[in-house]
Amino acid sequence: MDMNQLFYHHQIALMTASRTRPNGDGAFDLARHYATRINRFRRSRGLSPDFTGYSDRSPGF
């Protein structure tokens, strides 16, 4: 998957999670998954791992 596809899927996951119940368990799990993949992609190319300030290790988006 290229960077644009990863960003697209991450954005869709964020929008989907934002429409779930406020205390929905795991609502942001898919978004975190894509954040992890984006950061891995960036690291493999020598870029900063935390794109636009998001971290795949942060507790919430």
PDB file of N, CA and C in Angstrom:
ATOM      1  N   MET A   1       0.852  -1.168   0.000  1.00  0.00           N
ATOM      2  CA  MET A   1       0.000   0.000   0.000  1.00  0.00           C
ATOM      3  C   MET A   1       0.899   1.233   0.000  1.00  0.00           C
ATOM      4  N   ASP A   2       0.569   2.214  -0.813  1.00  0.00           N
ATOM      5  CA  ASP A   2       1.387   3.431  -0.801  1.00  0.00           C
ATOM      6  C   ASP A   2       0.864   4.411   0.258  1.00  0.00           C
ATOM      7  N   MET A   3       1.596   5.501   0.466  1.00  0.00           N
ATOM      8  CA  MET A   3       1.279   6.458   1.532  1.00  0.00           C
ATOM      9  C   MET A   3      -0.125   7.054   1.362  1.00  0.00           C
ATOM     10  N   ASN A   4      -0.520   7.381   0.139  1.00  0.00           N
ATOM     11  CA  ASN A   4      -1.847   7.960  -0.075  1.00  0.00           C
ATOM     12  C   ASN A   4      -2.955   6.982   0.326  1.00  0.00           C
ATOM     13  N   GLN A   5      -2.779   5.703   0.011  1.00  0.00           N
ATOM     14  CA  GLN A   5      -3.772   4.711   0.403  1.00  0.00           C
ATOM     15  C   GLN A   5      -3.840   4.577   1.924  1.00  0.00           C
ATOM     16  N   LEU A   6      -2.678   4.603   2.573  1.00  0.00           N
ATOM     17  CA  LEU A   6      -2.656   4.517   4.028  1.00  0.00           C
ATOM     18  C   LEU A   6      -3.363   5.715   4.658  1.00  0.00           C
ATOM     19  N   PHE A   7      -3.081   6.911   4.146  1.00  0.00           N
ATOM     20  CA  PHE A   7      -3.758   8.108   4.667  1.00  0.00           C
ATOM     21  C   PHE A   7      -5.267   8.030   4.439  1.00  0.00           C
ATOM     22  N   TYR A   8      -5.675   7.554   3.272  1.00  0.00           N
ATOM     23  CA  TYR A   8      -7.096   7.426   2.964  1.00  0.00           C
ATOM     24  C   TYR A   8      -7.773   6.484   3.965  1.00  0.00           C
ATOM     25  N   HIS A   9      -7.201   5.303   4.149  1.00  0.00           N
ATOM     26  CA  HIS A   9      -7.804   4.327   5.055  1.00  0.00           C
ATOM     27  C   HIS A   9      -7.790   4.821   6.503  1.00  0.00           C
ATOM     28  N   HIS A  10      -6.744   5.535   6.882  1.00  0.00           N
ATOM     29  CA  HIS A  10      -6.678   6.101   8.227  1.00  0.00           C
ATOM     30  C   HIS A  10      -7.800   7.117   8.417  1.00  0.00           C
ATOM     31  N   GLN A  11      -8.004   7.973   7.439  1.00  0.00           N
ATOM     32  CA  GLN A  11      -9.054   8.993   7.535  1.00  0.00           C
ATOM     33  C   GLN A  11     -10.436   8.353   7.608  1.00  0.00           C
ATOM     34  N   ILE A  12     -10.686   7.351   6.790  1.00  0.00           N
ATOM     35  CA  ILE A  12     -11.974   6.650   6.819  1.00  0.00           C
ATOM     36  C   ILE A  12     -12.185   6.001   8.192  1.00  0.00           C
ATOM     37  N   ALA A  13     -11.130   5.389   8.740  1.00  0.00           N
ATOM     38  CA  ALA A  13     -11.234   4.760  10.058  1.00  0.00           C
ATOM     39  C   ALA A  13     -11.543   5.791  11.129  1.00  0.00           C
ATOM     40  N   LEU A  14     -10.929   6.987  11.048  1.00  0.00           N
ATOM     41  CA  LEU A  14     -11.219   8.042  12.018  1.00  0.00           C
ATOM     42  C   LEU A  14     -12.667   8.515  11.908  1.00  0.00           C
ATOM     43  N   MET A  15     -13.140   8.700  10.686  1.00  0.00           N
ATOM     44  CA  MET A  15     -14.522   9.155  10.505  1.00  0.00           C
ATOM     45  C   MET A  15     -15.516   8.106  11.000  1.00  0.00           C
ATOM     46  N   THR A  16     -15.234   6.849  10.735  1.00  0.00           N
ATOM     47  CA  THR A  16     -16.108   5.773  11.200  1.00  0.00           C
ATOM     48  C   THR A  16     -16.116   5.709  12.719  1.00  0.00           C
ATOM     49  N   ALA A  17     -14.941   5.802  13.328  1.00  0.00           N
ATOM     50  CA  ALA A  17     -14.847   5.743  14.793  1.00  0.00           C
ATOM     51  C   ALA A  17     -15.549   6.920  15.446  1.00  0.00           C
ATOM     52  N   SER A  18     -15.506   8.079  14.800  1.00  0.00           N
ATOM     53  CA  SER A  18     -16.140   9.265  15.394  1.00  0.00           C
ATOM     54  C   SER A  18     -17.670   9.144  15.412  1.00  0.00           C
ATOM     55  N   ARG A  19     -18.218   8.254  14.596  1.00  0.00           N
ATOM     56  CA  ARG A  19     -19.671   8.065  14.562  1.00  0.00           C
ATOM     57  C   ARG A  19     -20.137   6.964  15.506  1.00  0.00           C
ATOM     58  N   THR A  20     -19.203   6.304  16.181  1.00  0.00           N
ATOM     59  CA  THR A  20     -19.591   5.242  17.110  1.00  0.00           C
ATOM     60  C   THR A  20     -19.948   5.850  18.455  1.00  0.00           C
ATOM     61  N   ARG A  21     -20.447   5.035  19.341  1.00  0.00           N
ATOM     62  CA  ARG A  21     -20.781   5.501  20.686  1.00  0.00           C
ATOM     63  C   ARG A  21     -19.537   6.031  21.381  1.00  0.00           C
ATOM     64  N   PRO A  22     -19.695   7.056  22.220  1.00  0.00           N
ATOM     65  CA  PRO A  22     -18.535   7.665  22.878  1.00  0.00           C
ATOM     66  C   PRO A  22     -17.653   6.683  23.639  1.00  0.00           C
ATOM     67  N   ASN A  23     -18.248   5.682  24.281  1.00  0.00           N
ATOM     68  CA  ASN A  23     -17.461   4.716  25.049  1.00  0.00           C
ATOM     69  C   ASN A  23     -17.301   3.392  24.321  1.00  0.00           C
ATOM     70  N   GLY A  24     -17.443   3.411  23.007  1.00  0.00           N
ATOM     71  CA  GLY A  24     -17.315   2.183  22.233  1.00  0.00           C
ATOM     72  C   GLY A  24     -15.920   1.601  22.342  1.00  0.00           C
ATOM     73  N   ASP A  25     -15.844   0.401  22.864  1.00  0.00           N
ATOM     74  CA  ASP A  25     -14.544  -0.249  23.013  1.00  0.00           C
ATOM     75  C   ASP A  25     -13.942  -0.511  21.634  1.00  0.00           C
ATOM     76  N   GLY A  26     -12.715  -0.105  21.483  1.00  0.00           N
ATOM     77  CA  GLY A  26     -12.001  -0.391  20.251  1.00  0.00           C
ATOM     78  C   GLY A  26     -12.388   0.456  19.058  1.00  0.00           C
ATOM     79  N   ALA A  27     -13.107   1.541  19.270  1.00  0.00           N
ATOM     80  CA  ALA A  27     -13.574   2.363  18.147  1.00  0.00           C
ATOM     81  C   ALA A  27     -12.423   2.896  17.316  1.00  0.00           C
ATOM     82  N   PHE A  28     -11.308   3.184  17.960  1.00  0.00           N
ATOM     83  CA  PHE A  28     -10.184   3.761  17.237  1.00  0.00           C
ATOM     84  C   PHE A  28      -9.083   2.743  16.949  1.00  0.00           C
ATOM     85  N   ASP A  29      -9.343   1.468  17.180  1.00  0.00           N
ATOM     86  CA  ASP A  29      -8.322   0.445  16.937  1.00  0.00           C
ATOM     87  C   ASP A  29      -7.862   0.418  15.486  1.00  0.00           C
ATOM     88  N   LEU A  30      -8.781   0.514  14.553  1.00  0.00           N
ATOM     89  CA  LEU A  30      -8.404   0.472  13.140  1.00  0.00           C
ATOM     90  C   LEU A  30      -7.599   1.716  12.763  1.00  0.00           C
ATOM     91  N   ALA A  31      -7.984   2.871  13.287  1.00  0.00           N
ATOM     92  CA  ALA A  31      -7.227   4.095  13.022  1.00  0.00           C
ATOM     93  C   ALA A  31      -5.811   3.963  13.574  1.00  0.00           C
ATOM     94  N   ARG A  32      -5.675   3.389  14.771  1.00  0.00           N
ATOM     95  CA  ARG A  32      -4.336   3.164  15.344  1.00  0.00           C
ATOM     96  C   ARG A  32      -3.533   2.186  14.494  1.00  0.00           C
ATOM     97  N   HIS A  33      -4.205   1.174  13.967  1.00  0.00           N
ATOM     98  CA  HIS A  33      -3.548   0.216  13.082  1.00  0.00           C
ATOM     99  C   HIS A  33      -2.943   0.942  11.871  1.00  0.00           C
ATOM    100  N   TYR A  34      -3.729   1.809  11.248  1.00  0.00           N
ATOM    101  CA  TYR A  34      -3.210   2.533  10.083  1.00  0.00           C
ATOM    102  C   TYR A  34      -2.143   3.552  10.475  1.00  0.00           C
ATOM    103  N   ALA A  35      -2.270   4.159  11.669  1.00  0.00           N
ATOM    104  CA  ALA A  35      -1.213   5.065  12.144  1.00  0.00           C
ATOM    105  C   ALA A  35       0.097   4.305  12.307  1.00  0.00           C
ATOM    106  N   THR A  36       0.003   3.096  12.826  1.00  0.00           N
ATOM    107  CA  THR A  36       1.200   2.258  12.975  1.00  0.00           C
ATOM    108  C   THR A  36       1.807   1.951  11.616  1.00  0.00           C
ATOM    109  N   ARG A  37       0.971   1.597  10.660  1.00  0.00           N
ATOM    110  CA  ARG A  37       1.481   1.291   9.311  1.00  0.00           C
ATOM    111  C   ARG A  37       2.084   2.523   8.648  1.00  0.00           C
ATOM    112  N   ILE A  38       1.452   3.687   8.835  1.00  0.00           N
ATOM    113  CA  ILE A  38       1.989   4.923   8.261  1.00  0.00           C
ATOM    114  C   ILE A  38       3.341   5.225   8.882  1.00  0.00           C
ATOM    115  N   ASN A  39       3.431   5.113  10.210  1.00  0.00           N
ATOM    116  CA  ASN A  39       4.703   5.392  10.872  1.00  0.00           C
ATOM    117  C   ASN A  39       5.784   4.401  10.456  1.00  0.00           C
ATOM    118  N   ARG A  40       5.432   3.142  10.288  1.00  0.00           N
ATOM    119  CA  ARG A  40       6.394   2.139   9.814  1.00  0.00           C
ATOM    120  C   ARG A  40       6.864   2.486   8.400  1.00  0.00           C
ATOM    121  N   PHE A  41       5.929   2.889   7.544  1.00  0.00           N
ATOM    122  CA  PHE A  41       6.253   3.292   6.174  1.00  0.00           C
ATOM    123  C   PHE A  41       7.214   4.480   6.193  1.00  0.00           C
ATOM    124  N   ARG A  42       6.907   5.467   7.043  1.00  0.00           N
ATOM    125  CA  ARG A  42       7.748   6.666   7.129  1.00  0.00           C
ATOM    126  C   ARG A  42       9.146   6.327   7.649  1.00  0.00           C
ATOM    127  N   ARG A  43       9.217   5.511   8.699  1.00  0.00           N
ATOM    128  CA  ARG A  43      10.528   5.135   9.253  1.00  0.00           C
ATOM    129  C   ARG A  43      11.383   4.417   8.219  1.00  0.00           C
ATOM    130  N   SER A  44      10.755   3.552   7.423  1.00  0.00           N
ATOM    131  CA  SER A  44      11.506   2.790   6.423  1.00  0.00           C
ATOM    132  C   SER A  44      12.099   3.686   5.337  1.00  0.00           C
ATOM    133  N   ARG A  45      11.594   4.911   5.248  1.00  0.00           N
ATOM    134  CA  ARG A  45      12.098   5.862   4.263  1.00  0.00           C
ATOM    135  C   ARG A  45      12.887   7.006   4.899  1.00  0.00           C
ATOM    136  N   GLY A  46      13.217   6.841   6.181  1.00  0.00           N
ATOM    137  CA  GLY A  46      14.042   7.822   6.867  1.00  0.00           C
ATOM    138  C   GLY A  46      13.318   9.089   7.280  1.00  0.00           C
ATOM    139  N   LEU A  47      11.984   9.031   7.354  1.00  0.00           N
ATOM    140  CA  LEU A  47      11.194  10.196   7.747  1.00  0.00           C
ATOM    141  C   LEU A  47      10.834  10.110   9.222  1.00  0.00           C
ATOM    142  N   SER A  48      10.402  11.216   9.783  1.00  0.00           N
ATOM    143  CA  SER A  48       9.936  11.237  11.165  1.00  0.00           C
ATOM    144  C   SER A  48       8.752  10.283  11.302  1.00  0.00           C
ATOM    145  N   PRO A  49       8.735   9.449  12.342  1.00  0.00           N
ATOM    146  CA  PRO A  49       7.667   8.455  12.449  1.00  0.00           C
ATOM    147  C   PRO A  49       6.296   9.014  12.826  1.00  0.00           C
ATOM    148  N   ASP A  50       6.220  10.167  13.464  1.00  0.00           N
ATOM    149  CA  ASP A  50       4.933  10.688  13.916  1.00  0.00           C
ATOM    150  C   ASP A  50       4.378  11.707  12.929  1.00  0.00           C
ATOM    151  N   PHE A  51       3.607  11.214  11.957  1.00  0.00           N
ATOM    152  CA  PHE A  51       3.083  12.096  10.927  1.00  0.00           C
ATOM    153  C   PHE A  51       2.110  13.106  11.526  1.00  0.00           C
ATOM    154  N   THR A  52       2.245  14.332  11.162  1.00  0.00           N
ATOM    155  CA  THR A  52       1.411  15.464  11.591  1.00  0.00           C
ATOM    156  C   THR A  52       1.072  15.451  13.076  1.00  0.00           C
ATOM    157  N   GLY A  53       2.021  14.985  13.897  1.00  0.00           N
ATOM    158  CA  GLY A  53       1.817  15.035  15.335  1.00  0.00           C
ATOM    159  C   GLY A  53       1.097  13.848  15.927  1.00  0.00           C
ATOM    160  N   TYR A  54       0.599  12.925  15.112  1.00  0.00           N
ATOM    161  CA  TYR A  54      -0.075  11.743  15.642  1.00  0.00           C
ATOM    162  C   TYR A  54       0.952  10.658  15.910  1.00  0.00           C
ATOM    163  N   SER A  55       0.741   9.949  16.962  1.00  0.00           N
ATOM    164  CA  SER A  55       1.606   8.829  17.286  1.00  0.00           C
ATOM    165  C   SER A  55       0.764   7.576  17.377  1.00  0.00           C
ATOM    166  N   ASP A  56       1.282   6.490  16.870  1.00  0.00           N
ATOM    167  CA  ASP A  56       0.548   5.226  16.990  1.00  0.00           C
ATOM    168  C   ASP A  56       0.577   4.721  18.425  1.00  0.00           C
ATOM    169  N   ARG A  57       1.336   5.377  19.298  1.00  0.00           N
ATOM    170  CA  ARG A  57       1.399   4.987  20.700  1.00  0.00           C
ATOM    171  C   ARG A  57       0.511   5.864  21.579  1.00  0.00           C
ATOM    172  N   SER A  58      -0.051   6.917  21.047  1.00  0.00           N
ATOM    173  CA  SER A  58      -0.880   7.805  21.869  1.00  0.00           C
ATOM    174  C   SER A  58      -2.190   7.109  22.223  1.00  0.00           C
ATOM    175  N   PRO A  59      -2.743   7.415  23.408  1.00  0.00           N
ATOM    176  CA  PRO A  59      -3.939   6.713  23.869  1.00  0.00           C
ATOM    177  C   PRO A  59      -5.194   6.996  23.053  1.00  0.00           C
ATOM    178  N   GLY A  60      -5.263   8.108  22.401  1.00  0.00           N
ATOM    179  CA  GLY A  60      -6.455   8.401  21.613  1.00  0.00           C
ATOM    180  C   GLY A  60      -6.166   9.408  20.525  1.00  0.00           C
ATOM    181  N   PHE A  61      -6.990   9.429  19.533  1.00  0.00           N
ATOM    182  CA  PHE A  61      -6.815  10.361  18.414  1.00  0.00           C
ATOM    183  C   PHE A  61      -7.837  11.457  18.526  1.00  0.00           C
TER     184      PHE A  61
END
